[in-house]
Amino acid sequence: MNITFIRQDSGSGKETLSICEAGTLFDKMKTETKSGHIMTLRELIESVGTVISLLS
């Protein structure tokens, strides 16, 4: 499964589109070191896991 991210730079207003495999995303989440991001990523993992369970 591919996951698409759209990020907007607050300074320039430019948007960046990135697509990655779910497995790659989970690996990145496991090594994230910024505390604010870790909490958000953990919540995202729970949400994605629930959706995958429902689809199975």
N, C-alpha and C. Protein backbone atom coordinates (compact mmCIF):
# COMPACT_ATOMS: atom_id res chain seq x y z
N MET A 1 0.85 -1.17 0.00
CA MET A 1 0.00 0.00 0.00
C MET A 1 0.90 1.23 0.00
N ASN A 2 0.57 2.21 -0.82
CA ASN A 2 1.30 3.47 -0.88
C ASN A 2 0.58 4.52 -0.05
N ILE A 3 1.37 5.37 0.60
CA ILE A 3 0.82 6.47 1.38
C ILE A 3 1.36 7.77 0.78
N THR A 4 0.48 8.74 0.58
CA THR A 4 0.84 10.01 -0.04
C THR A 4 0.82 11.12 1.01
N PHE A 5 1.89 11.92 1.03
CA PHE A 5 1.98 13.06 1.94
C PHE A 5 2.04 14.34 1.11
N ILE A 6 1.36 15.37 1.58
CA ILE A 6 1.46 16.69 0.98
C ILE A 6 1.86 17.64 2.10
N ARG A 7 3.03 18.27 1.94
CA ARG A 7 3.51 19.21 2.95
C ARG A 7 3.62 20.59 2.34
N GLN A 8 3.33 21.61 3.16
CA GLN A 8 3.43 22.98 2.67
C GLN A 8 4.46 23.71 3.51
N ASP A 9 5.42 24.35 2.84
CA ASP A 9 6.43 25.15 3.51
C ASP A 9 5.79 26.46 3.93
N SER A 10 5.86 26.78 5.21
CA SER A 10 5.20 27.99 5.70
C SER A 10 5.87 29.26 5.19
N GLY A 11 7.16 29.21 4.92
CA GLY A 11 7.87 30.40 4.45
C GLY A 11 7.60 30.71 2.99
N SER A 12 7.77 29.72 2.15
CA SER A 12 7.63 29.96 0.70
C SER A 12 6.25 29.63 0.17
N GLY A 13 5.49 28.81 0.91
CA GLY A 13 4.17 28.41 0.45
C GLY A 13 4.19 27.27 -0.55
N LYS A 14 5.39 26.75 -0.85
CA LYS A 14 5.50 25.65 -1.80
C LYS A 14 4.98 24.36 -1.17
N GLU A 15 4.37 23.53 -2.00
CA GLU A 15 3.88 22.23 -1.54
C GLU A 15 4.79 21.13 -2.08
N THR A 16 5.02 20.13 -1.24
CA THR A 16 5.84 18.99 -1.62
C THR A 16 4.98 17.74 -1.53
N LEU A 17 4.99 16.95 -2.57
CA LEU A 17 4.25 15.70 -2.62
C LEU A 17 5.25 14.56 -2.53
N SER A 18 5.01 13.63 -1.60
CA SER A 18 5.86 12.45 -1.53
C SER A 18 5.00 11.22 -1.33
N ILE A 19 5.43 10.14 -1.95
CA ILE A 19 4.71 8.87 -1.89
C ILE A 19 5.69 7.81 -1.40
N CYS A 20 5.26 7.00 -0.42
CA CYS A 20 6.13 5.92 0.04
C CYS A 20 5.29 4.70 0.41
N GLU A 21 5.96 3.57 0.45
CA GLU A 21 5.31 2.32 0.85
C GLU A 21 5.01 2.38 2.34
N ALA A 22 3.95 1.73 2.76
CA ALA A 22 3.56 1.72 4.17
C ALA A 22 4.68 1.16 5.04
N GLY A 23 5.34 0.11 4.60
CA GLY A 23 6.44 -0.48 5.37
C GLY A 23 7.58 0.49 5.59
N THR A 24 7.91 1.26 4.56
CA THR A 24 8.96 2.27 4.66
C THR A 24 8.56 3.35 5.65
N LEU A 25 7.30 3.76 5.60
CA LEU A 25 6.80 4.77 6.53
C LEU A 25 6.91 4.28 7.97
N PHE A 26 6.52 3.03 8.22
CA PHE A 26 6.58 2.50 9.57
C PHE A 26 8.03 2.43 10.06
N ASP A 27 8.97 2.08 9.18
CA ASP A 27 10.38 2.06 9.56
C ASP A 27 10.86 3.45 9.95
N LYS A 28 10.44 4.47 9.20
CA LYS A 28 10.81 5.85 9.52
C LYS A 28 10.23 6.27 10.86
N MET A 29 8.99 5.85 11.13
CA MET A 29 8.34 6.20 12.39
C MET A 29 9.07 5.60 13.58
N LYS A 30 9.59 4.41 13.41
CA LYS A 30 10.28 3.72 14.51
C LYS A 30 11.58 4.42 14.89
N THR A 31 12.19 5.16 13.96
CA THR A 31 13.47 5.81 14.23
C THR A 31 13.34 7.32 14.42
N GLU A 32 12.13 7.85 14.43
CA GLU A 32 11.90 9.29 14.62
C GLU A 32 12.37 9.70 16.01
N THR A 33 13.07 10.85 16.11
CA THR A 33 13.63 11.28 17.39
C THR A 33 12.97 12.53 17.98
N LYS A 34 12.16 13.23 17.23
CA LYS A 34 11.54 14.45 17.74
C LYS A 34 10.29 14.08 18.53
N SER A 35 10.23 14.50 19.79
CA SER A 35 9.16 14.04 20.69
C SER A 35 7.76 14.40 20.20
N GLY A 36 7.55 15.58 19.67
CA GLY A 36 6.23 15.96 19.18
C GLY A 36 5.78 15.09 18.02
N HIS A 37 6.73 14.75 17.17
CA HIS A 37 6.42 13.90 16.02
C HIS A 37 6.14 12.47 16.44
N ILE A 38 6.82 12.00 17.48
CA ILE A 38 6.65 10.62 17.92
C ILE A 38 5.21 10.37 18.34
N MET A 39 4.63 11.28 19.12
CA MET A 39 3.25 11.11 19.58
C MET A 39 2.30 11.06 18.38
N THR A 40 2.48 11.98 17.46
CA THR A 40 1.62 12.02 16.27
C THR A 40 1.78 10.75 15.44
N LEU A 41 3.00 10.30 15.28
CA LEU A 41 3.24 9.10 14.49
C LEU A 41 2.66 7.86 15.15
N ARG A 42 2.71 7.79 16.48
CA ARG A 42 2.11 6.65 17.17
C ARG A 42 0.60 6.63 16.96
N GLU A 43 -0.03 7.79 17.01
CA GLU A 43 -1.47 7.86 16.77
C GLU A 43 -1.78 7.44 15.33
N LEU A 44 -0.94 7.85 14.40
CA LEU A 44 -1.13 7.48 13.00
C LEU A 44 -0.99 5.98 12.79
N ILE A 45 -0.01 5.37 13.48
CA ILE A 45 0.17 3.92 13.37
C ILE A 45 -1.09 3.20 13.83
N GLU A 46 -1.67 3.66 14.94
CA GLU A 46 -2.90 3.03 15.44
C GLU A 46 -4.03 3.16 14.42
N SER A 47 -4.17 4.34 13.83
CA SER A 47 -5.23 4.57 12.85
C SER A 47 -5.04 3.71 11.61
N VAL A 48 -3.83 3.67 11.10
CA VAL A 48 -3.55 2.88 9.90
C VAL A 48 -3.75 1.40 10.20
N GLY A 49 -3.32 0.95 11.37
CA GLY A 49 -3.51 -0.45 11.76
C GLY A 49 -4.98 -0.82 11.81
N THR A 50 -5.81 0.09 12.33
CA THR A 50 -7.25 -0.15 12.40
C THR A 50 -7.84 -0.27 11.00
N VAL A 51 -7.45 0.62 10.11
CA VAL A 51 -7.96 0.59 8.73
C VAL A 51 -7.54 -0.70 8.03
N ILE A 52 -6.30 -1.09 8.21
CA ILE A 52 -5.82 -2.33 7.59
C ILE A 52 -6.59 -3.52 8.13
N SER A 53 -6.86 -3.54 9.44
CA SER A 53 -7.63 -4.63 10.03
C SER A 53 -9.03 -4.69 9.45
N LEU A 54 -9.64 -3.54 9.25
CA LEU A 54 -10.99 -3.49 8.70
C LEU A 54 -11.02 -3.97 7.25
N LEU A 55 -9.95 -3.70 6.51
CA LEU A 55 -9.89 -4.09 5.11
C LEU A 55 -9.57 -5.57 4.92
N SER A 56 -9.00 -6.18 5.93
CA SER A 56 -8.60 -7.60 5.81
C SER A 56 -9.77 -8.54 5.91
